[in-house]
PDB file of N, CA and C in Angstrom:
ATOM      1  N   MET A   1      35.226  71.908  46.429  1.00  0.00           N
ATOM      2  CA  MET A   1      34.683  70.486  46.630  1.00  0.00           C
ATOM      3  C   MET A   1      35.831  69.647  46.969  1.00  0.00           C
ATOM      4  N   PHE A   2      35.645  68.776  48.065  1.00  0.00           N
ATOM      5  CA  PHE A   2      36.684  67.912  48.469  1.00  0.00           C
ATOM      6  C   PHE A   2      36.180  66.530  48.344  1.00  0.00           C
ATOM      7  N   ASN A   3      37.085  65.566  47.986  1.00  0.00           N
ATOM      8  CA  ASN A   3      36.772  64.173  47.828  1.00  0.00           C
ATOM      9  C   ASN A   3      37.926  63.480  48.595  1.00  0.00           C
ATOM     10  N   ALA A   4      37.599  62.307  49.314  1.00  0.00           N
ATOM     11  CA  ALA A   4      38.581  61.440  49.872  1.00  0.00           C
ATOM     12  C   ALA A   4      38.082  59.980  49.776  1.00  0.00           C
ATOM     13  N   SER A   5      39.011  59.065  49.555  1.00  0.00           N
ATOM     14  CA  SER A   5      38.684  57.696  49.313  1.00  0.00           C
ATOM     15  C   SER A   5      39.604  56.774  49.961  1.00  0.00           C
ATOM     16  N   PHE A   6      39.149  55.545  50.477  1.00  0.00           N
ATOM     17  CA  PHE A   6      39.967  54.603  51.056  1.00  0.00           C
ATOM     18  C   PHE A   6      39.395  53.270  50.744  1.00  0.00           C
ATOM     19  N   ALA A   7      40.239  52.252  50.408  1.00  0.00           N
ATOM     20  CA  ALA A   7      39.851  50.864  50.080  1.00  0.00           C
ATOM     21  C   ALA A   7      40.817  49.947  50.664  1.00  0.00           C
ATOM     22  N   SER A   8      40.430  48.942  51.218  1.00  0.00           N
ATOM     23  CA  SER A   8      41.383  47.746  51.560  1.00  0.00           C
ATOM     24  C   SER A   8      40.817  46.509  50.777  1.00  0.00           C
ATOM     25  N   LEU A   9      41.618  46.090  49.758  1.00  0.00           N
ATOM     26  CA  LEU A   9      41.130  44.969  48.934  1.00  0.00           C
ATOM     27  C   LEU A   9      42.059  43.855  49.098  1.00  0.00           C
ATOM     28  N   ASP A  10      41.423  42.631  49.077  1.00  0.00           N
ATOM     29  CA  ASP A  10      42.124  41.273  49.148  1.00  0.00           C
ATOM     30  C   ASP A  10      41.675  40.475  47.952  1.00  0.00           C
ATOM     31  N   TRP A  11      42.536  39.829  47.254  1.00  0.00           N
ATOM     32  CA  TRP A  11      42.226  38.923  46.139  1.00  0.00           C
ATOM     33  C   TRP A  11      42.352  37.557  46.724  1.00  0.00           C
ATOM     34  N   LYS A  12      41.421  36.694  46.209  1.00  0.00           N
ATOM     35  CA  LYS A  12      41.201  35.286  46.687  1.00  0.00           C
ATOM     36  C   LYS A  12      42.157  34.361  45.951  1.00  0.00           C
ATOM     37  N   THR A  13      42.558  34.678  44.717  1.00  0.00           N
ATOM     38  CA  THR A  13      43.265  33.801  43.869  1.00  0.00           C
ATOM     39  C   THR A  13      44.766  34.163  43.981  1.00  0.00           C
ATOM     40  N   VAL A  14      45.587  33.187  43.841  1.00  0.00           N
ATOM     41  CA  VAL A  14      47.131  33.257  43.806  1.00  0.00           C
ATOM     42  C   VAL A  14      47.481  33.997  42.485  1.00  0.00           C
ATOM     43  N   ASN A  15      48.415  34.894  42.583  1.00  0.00           N
ATOM     44  CA  ASN A  15      48.960  35.466  41.259  1.00  0.00           C
ATOM     45  C   ASN A  15      49.842  34.404  40.719  1.00  0.00           C
ATOM     46  N   PRO A  16      49.625  34.033  39.305  1.00  0.00           N
ATOM     47  CA  PRO A  16      50.368  33.032  38.793  1.00  0.00           C
ATOM     48  C   PRO A  16      51.883  33.411  38.516  1.00  0.00           C
ATOM     49  N   ILE A  17      52.289  34.669  38.538  1.00  0.00           N
ATOM     50  CA  ILE A  17      53.586  35.012  38.343  1.00  0.00           C
ATOM     51  C   ILE A  17      54.392  34.991  39.623  1.00  0.00           C
ATOM     52  N   TYR A  18      53.846  35.594  40.657  1.00  0.00           N
ATOM     53  CA  TYR A  18      54.556  35.759  41.996  1.00  0.00           C
ATOM     54  C   TYR A  18      54.137  34.634  42.969  1.00  0.00           C
ATOM     55  N   GLY A  19      53.286  33.735  42.619  1.00  0.00           N
ATOM     56  CA  GLY A  19      52.969  32.640  43.506  1.00  0.00           C
ATOM     57  C   GLY A  19      52.375  32.967  44.889  1.00  0.00           C
ATOM     58  N   ARG A  20      51.705  34.120  44.986  1.00  0.00           N
ATOM     59  CA  ARG A  20      51.097  34.476  46.283  1.00  0.00           C
ATOM     60  C   ARG A  20      49.859  35.364  46.038  1.00  0.00           C
ATOM     61  N   LYS A  21      49.031  35.477  47.095  1.00  0.00           N
ATOM     62  CA  LYS A  21      47.838  36.350  47.024  1.00  0.00           C
ATOM     63  C   LYS A  21      48.281  37.792  47.242  1.00  0.00           C
ATOM     64  N   ASP A  22      47.504  38.646  46.688  1.00  0.00           N
ATOM     65  CA  ASP A  22      47.781  40.043  46.764  1.00  0.00           C
ATOM     66  C   ASP A  22      46.783  40.802  47.596  1.00  0.00           C
ATOM     67  N   SER A  23      47.069  41.773  48.216  1.00  0.00           N
ATOM     68  CA  SER A  23      46.004  42.738  48.847  1.00  0.00           C
ATOM     69  C   SER A  23      46.687  44.105  48.629  1.00  0.00           C
ATOM     70  N   THR A  24      45.811  45.141  48.816  1.00  0.00           N
ATOM     71  CA  THR A  24      46.226  46.421  48.643  1.00  0.00           C
ATOM     72  C   THR A  24      45.365  47.432  49.584  1.00  0.00           C
ATOM     73  N   ASP A  25      46.066  48.519  49.960  1.00  0.00           N
ATOM     74  CA  ASP A  25      45.396  49.671  50.557  1.00  0.00           C
ATOM     75  C   ASP A  25      45.479  50.723  49.676  1.00  0.00           C
ATOM     76  N   ARG A  26      44.350  51.258  49.314  1.00  0.00           N
ATOM     77  CA  ARG A  26      44.148  52.332  48.416  1.00  0.00           C
ATOM     78  C   ARG A  26      43.599  53.605  49.001  1.00  0.00           C
ATOM     79  N   ILE A  27      44.350  54.711  48.883  1.00  0.00           N
ATOM     80  CA  ILE A  27      43.967  55.924  49.527  1.00  0.00           C
ATOM     81  C   ILE A  27      44.121  57.154  48.527  1.00  0.00           C
ATOM     82  N   GLY A  28      43.166  58.074  48.603  1.00  0.00           N
ATOM     83  CA  GLY A  28      43.289  59.205  47.739  1.00  0.00           C
ATOM     84  C   GLY A  28      42.508  60.463  48.195  1.00  0.00           C
ATOM     85  N   ALA A  29      42.864  61.603  47.680  1.00  0.00           N
ATOM     86  CA  ALA A  29      42.153  62.787  48.063  1.00  0.00           C
ATOM     87  C   ALA A  29      42.325  63.722  46.818  1.00  0.00           C
ATOM     88  N   SER A  30      41.282  64.553  46.743  1.00  0.00           N
ATOM     89  CA  SER A  30      41.301  65.663  45.629  1.00  0.00           C
ATOM     90  C   SER A  30      40.513  66.782  46.175  1.00  0.00           C
ATOM     91  N   ALA A  31      40.858  68.043  45.576  1.00  0.00           N
ATOM     92  CA  ALA A  31      40.115  69.199  45.886  1.00  0.00           C
ATOM     93  C   ALA A  31      39.944  70.023  44.591  1.00  0.00           C
ATOM     94  N   THR A  32      38.832  70.542  44.385  1.00  0.00           N
ATOM     95  CA  THR A  32      38.411  71.322  43.219  1.00  0.00           C
ATOM     96  C   THR A  32      37.781  72.634  43.722  1.00  0.00           C
ATOM     97  N   VAL A  33      38.338  73.757  43.013  1.00  0.00           N
ATOM     98  CA  VAL A  33      37.817  75.041  43.236  1.00  0.00           C
ATOM     99  C   VAL A  33      37.197  75.654  41.996  1.00  0.00           C
ATOM    100  N   PHE A  34      36.176  76.385  42.105  1.00  0.00           N
ATOM    101  CA  PHE A  34      35.355  76.942  40.919  1.00  0.00           C
ATOM    102  C   PHE A  34      35.461  78.481  41.177  1.00  0.00           C
ATOM    103  N   PHE A  35      35.665  79.179  40.013  1.00  0.00           N
ATOM    104  CA  PHE A  35      35.702  80.642  39.998  1.00  0.00           C
ATOM    105  C   PHE A  35      34.631  81.105  38.943  1.00  0.00           C
ATOM    106  N   ALA A  36      33.558  81.775  39.456  1.00  0.00           N
ATOM    107  CA  ALA A  36      32.477  82.223  38.590  1.00  0.00           C
ATOM    108  C   ALA A  36      33.109  83.515  37.880  1.00  0.00           C
ATOM    109  N   GLN A  37      32.741  83.629  36.611  1.00  0.00           N
ATOM    110  CA  GLN A  37      33.063  84.819  35.802  1.00  0.00           C
ATOM    111  C   GLN A  37      34.542  85.284  35.948  1.00  0.00           C
ATOM    112  N   PRO A  38      35.481  84.328  35.584  1.00  0.00           N
ATOM    113  CA  PRO A  38      36.886  84.675  35.677  1.00  0.00           C
ATOM    114  C   PRO A  38      37.212  85.819  34.651  1.00  0.00           C
ATOM    115  N   PHE A  39      38.048  86.677  35.047  1.00  0.00           N
ATOM    116  CA  PHE A  39      38.545  87.737  34.215  1.00  0.00           C
ATOM    117  C   PHE A  39      37.263  88.613  33.703  1.00  0.00           C
ATOM    118  N   GLY A  40      36.205  88.600  34.307  1.00  0.00           N
ATOM    119  CA  GLY A  40      34.950  89.347  34.000  1.00  0.00           C
ATOM    120  C   GLY A  40      34.163  88.783  32.859  1.00  0.00           C
ATOM    121  N   ILE A  41      34.453  87.494  32.474  1.00  0.00           N
ATOM    122  CA  ILE A  41      33.808  86.901  31.373  1.00  0.00           C
ATOM    123  C   ILE A  41      32.399  86.327  31.829  1.00  0.00           C
ATOM    124  N   LYS A  42      31.357  86.907  31.328  1.00  0.00           N
ATOM    125  CA  LYS A  42      30.034  86.454  31.852  1.00  0.00           C
ATOM    126  C   LYS A  42      29.786  85.007  31.293  1.00  0.00           C
ATOM    127  N   ASN A  43      28.894  84.309  32.084  1.00  0.00           N
ATOM    128  CA  ASN A  43      28.442  83.003  31.754  1.00  0.00           C
ATOM    129  C   ASN A  43      29.606  81.897  31.636  1.00  0.00           C
ATOM    130  N   TRP A  44      30.788  82.199  32.061  1.00  0.00           N
ATOM    131  CA  TRP A  44      31.909  81.245  32.058  1.00  0.00           C
ATOM    132  C   TRP A  44      32.369  80.973  33.415  1.00  0.00           C
ATOM    133  N   ALA A  45      32.946  79.804  33.814  1.00  0.00           N
ATOM    134  CA  ALA A  45      33.541  79.607  35.009  1.00  0.00           C
ATOM    135  C   ALA A  45      34.859  78.836  34.848  1.00  0.00           C
ATOM    136  N   LEU A  46      35.714  79.061  35.751  1.00  0.00           N
ATOM    137  CA  LEU A  46      37.042  78.434  35.634  1.00  0.00           C
ATOM    138  C   LEU A  46      37.139  77.414  36.841  1.00  0.00           C
ATOM    139  N   ASN A  47      37.738  76.309  36.670  1.00  0.00           N
ATOM    140  CA  ASN A  47      37.858  75.309  37.676  1.00  0.00           C
ATOM    141  C   ASN A  47      39.242  74.795  37.804  1.00  0.00           C
ATOM    142  N   ALA A  48      39.791  74.408  38.864  1.00  0.00           N
ATOM    143  CA  ALA A  48      41.120  73.859  39.094  1.00  0.00           C
ATOM    144  C   ALA A  48      41.081  72.706  40.090  1.00  0.00           C
ATOM    145  N   THR A  49      41.697  71.643  39.819  1.00  0.00           N
ATOM    146  CA  THR A  49      41.560  70.422  40.682  1.00  0.00           C
ATOM    147  C   THR A  49      43.009  69.919  40.900  1.00  0.00           C
ATOM    148  N   VAL A  50      43.287  69.489  42.153  1.00  0.00           N
ATOM    149  CA  VAL A  50      44.607  68.835  42.465  1.00  0.00           C
ATOM    150  C   VAL A  50      44.153  67.551  43.261  1.00  0.00           C
ATOM    151  N   GLY A  51      44.843  66.487  42.924  1.00  0.00           N
ATOM    152  CA  GLY A  51      44.527  65.172  43.532  1.00  0.00           C
ATOM    153  C   GLY A  51      45.838  64.319  43.660  1.00  0.00           C
ATOM    154  N   CYS A  52      45.827  63.487  44.672  1.00  0.00           N
ATOM    155  CA  CYS A  52      46.820  62.599  44.924  1.00  0.00           C
ATOM    156  C   CYS A  52      46.230  61.215  45.330  1.00  0.00           C
ATOM    157  N   PHE A  53      46.797  60.164  44.798  1.00  0.00           N
ATOM    158  CA  PHE A  53      46.219  58.789  45.010  1.00  0.00           C
ATOM    159  C   PHE A  53      47.431  57.913  45.083  1.00  0.00           C
ATOM    160  N   ASP A  54      47.206  56.852  46.061  1.00  0.00           N
ATOM    161  CA  ASP A  54      48.352  55.891  46.347  1.00  0.00           C
ATOM    162  C   ASP A  54      47.705  54.432  46.465  1.00  0.00           C
ATOM    163  N   ASP A  55      48.354  53.534  45.762  1.00  0.00           N
ATOM    164  CA  ASP A  55      47.957  52.155  45.951  1.00  0.00           C
ATOM    165  C   ASP A  55      49.070  51.185  46.339  1.00  0.00           C
ATOM    166  N   ASP A  56      49.076  50.809  47.667  1.00  0.00           N
ATOM    167  CA  ASP A  56      50.175  50.007  48.209  1.00  0.00           C
ATOM    168  C   ASP A  56      49.796  48.557  48.280  1.00  0.00           C
ATOM    169  N   HIS A  57      50.360  47.805  47.348  1.00  0.00           N
ATOM    170  CA  HIS A  57      50.146  46.288  47.287  1.00  0.00           C
ATOM    171  C   HIS A  57      51.070  45.534  48.097  1.00  0.00           C
ATOM    172  N   ASP A  58      50.748  44.338  48.382  1.00  0.00           N
ATOM    173  CA  ASP A  58      51.616  43.303  49.030  1.00  0.00           C
ATOM    174  C   ASP A  58      52.661  42.977  48.029  1.00  0.00           C
ATOM    175  N   ILE A  59      52.346  42.882  46.781  1.00  0.00           N
ATOM    176  CA  ILE A  59      53.283  42.475  45.694  1.00  0.00           C
ATOM    177  C   ILE A  59      53.779  43.933  45.157  1.00  0.00           C
ATOM    178  N   ASP A  60      55.016  44.350  45.491  1.00  0.00           N
ATOM    179  CA  ASP A  60      55.456  45.690  45.163  1.00  0.00           C
ATOM    180  C   ASP A  60      55.433  46.062  43.796  1.00  0.00           C
ATOM    181  N   PHE A  61      55.390  45.108  42.848  1.00  0.00           N
ATOM    182  CA  PHE A  61      55.335  45.417  41.442  1.00  0.00           C
ATOM    183  C   PHE A  61      54.120  46.171  41.027  1.00  0.00           C
ATOM    184  N   TYR A  62      53.027  46.064  41.729  1.00  0.00           N
ATOM    185  CA  TYR A  62      51.809  46.663  41.424  1.00  0.00           C
ATOM    186  C   TYR A  62      51.535  47.971  42.236  1.00  0.00           C
ATOM    187  N   ASP A  63      52.452  48.414  42.991  1.00  0.00           N
ATOM    188  CA  ASP A  63      52.311  49.704  43.720  1.00  0.00           C
ATOM    189  C   ASP A  63      52.243  50.810  42.656  1.00  0.00           C
ATOM    190  N   THR A  64      51.345  51.709  42.884  1.00  0.00           N
ATOM    191  CA  THR A  64      51.114  52.814  42.043  1.00  0.00           C
ATOM    192  C   THR A  64      50.960  54.192  42.824  1.00  0.00           C
ATOM    193  N   SER A  65      51.237  55.262  42.194  1.00  0.00           N
ATOM    194  CA  SER A  65      51.122  56.509  42.894  1.00  0.00           C
ATOM    195  C   SER A  65      50.792  57.520  41.773  1.00  0.00           C
ATOM    196  N   VAL A  66      49.740  58.379  41.970  1.00  0.00           N
ATOM    197  CA  VAL A  66      49.287  59.393  40.921  1.00  0.00           C
ATOM    198  C   VAL A  66      49.182  60.738  41.622  1.00  0.00           C
ATOM    199  N   THR A  67      49.655  61.791  40.915  1.00  0.00           N
ATOM    200  CA  THR A  67      49.370  63.168  41.413  1.00  0.00           C
ATOM    201  C   THR A  67      48.957  63.898  40.083  1.00  0.00           C
ATOM    202  N   ALA A  68      47.806  64.617  40.194  1.00  0.00           N
ATOM    203  CA  ALA A  68      47.278  65.227  39.044  1.00  0.00           C
ATOM    204  C   ALA A  68      46.885  66.703  39.355  1.00  0.00           C
ATOM    205  N   PHE A  69      47.098  67.598  38.405  1.00  0.00           N
ATOM    206  CA  PHE A  69      46.573  68.933  38.496  1.00  0.00           C
ATOM    207  C   PHE A  69      45.947  69.287  37.177  1.00  0.00           C
ATOM    208  N   THR A  70      44.677  69.715  37.215  1.00  0.00           N
ATOM    209  CA  THR A  70      43.994  70.144  36.023  1.00  0.00           C
ATOM    210  C   THR A  70      43.408  71.563  36.200  1.00  0.00           C
ATOM    211  N   VAL A  71      43.253  72.226  35.071  1.00  0.00           N
ATOM    212  CA  VAL A  71      42.671  73.551  34.959  1.00  0.00           C
ATOM    213  C   VAL A  71      41.639  73.504  33.826  1.00  0.00           C
ATOM    214  N   GLY A  72      40.496  73.990  33.921  1.00  0.00           N
ATOM    215  CA  GLY A  72      39.552  73.990  32.776  1.00  0.00           C
ATOM    216  C   GLY A  72      38.516  75.183  32.958  1.00  0.00           C
ATOM    217  N   MET A  73      37.850  75.372  31.791  1.00  0.00           N
ATOM    218  CA  MET A  73      36.758  76.444  31.807  1.00  0.00           C
ATOM    219  C   MET A  73      35.564  75.734  31.232  1.00  0.00           C
ATOM    220  N   PHE A  74      34.442  76.156  31.718  1.00  0.00           N
ATOM    221  CA  PHE A  74      33.157  75.779  31.065  1.00  0.00           C
ATOM    222  C   PHE A  74      32.168  76.867  30.942  1.00  0.00           C
ATOM    223  N   ARG A  75      31.252  76.768  30.087  1.00  0.00           N
ATOM    224  CA  ARG A  75      30.277  77.880  29.844  1.00  0.00           C
ATOM    225  C   ARG A  75      28.877  77.463  30.255  1.00  0.00           C
ATOM    226  N   ARG A  76      28.205  78.317  30.976  1.00  0.00           N
ATOM    227  CA  ARG A  76      26.866  78.010  31.380  1.00  0.00           C
ATOM    228  C   ARG A  76      25.926  78.653  30.377  1.00  0.00           C
ATOM    229  N   PHE A  77      24.884  77.941  29.971  1.00  0.00           N
ATOM    230  CA  PHE A  77      23.854  78.383  28.950  1.00  0.00           C
ATOM    231  C   PHE A  77      22.649  78.650  29.615  1.00  0.00           C
TER     232      PHE A  77
END
């Protein structure tokens, strides 16, 4: 499963600390894979996700970047 996102955001009010309006371009992507019956275990599935997200603001203090990797298992009833 693949996901991608993009947003361009503009704030209408002036930031009281920096004295200017802010805007941001937000971009991200993630991918998840599923493995049915890992290691031969019936009714279980393994999943792994990797994702990267970036938020680029006009006010540099608010810039953020996230990279995540997760692994999990779930049981089907």
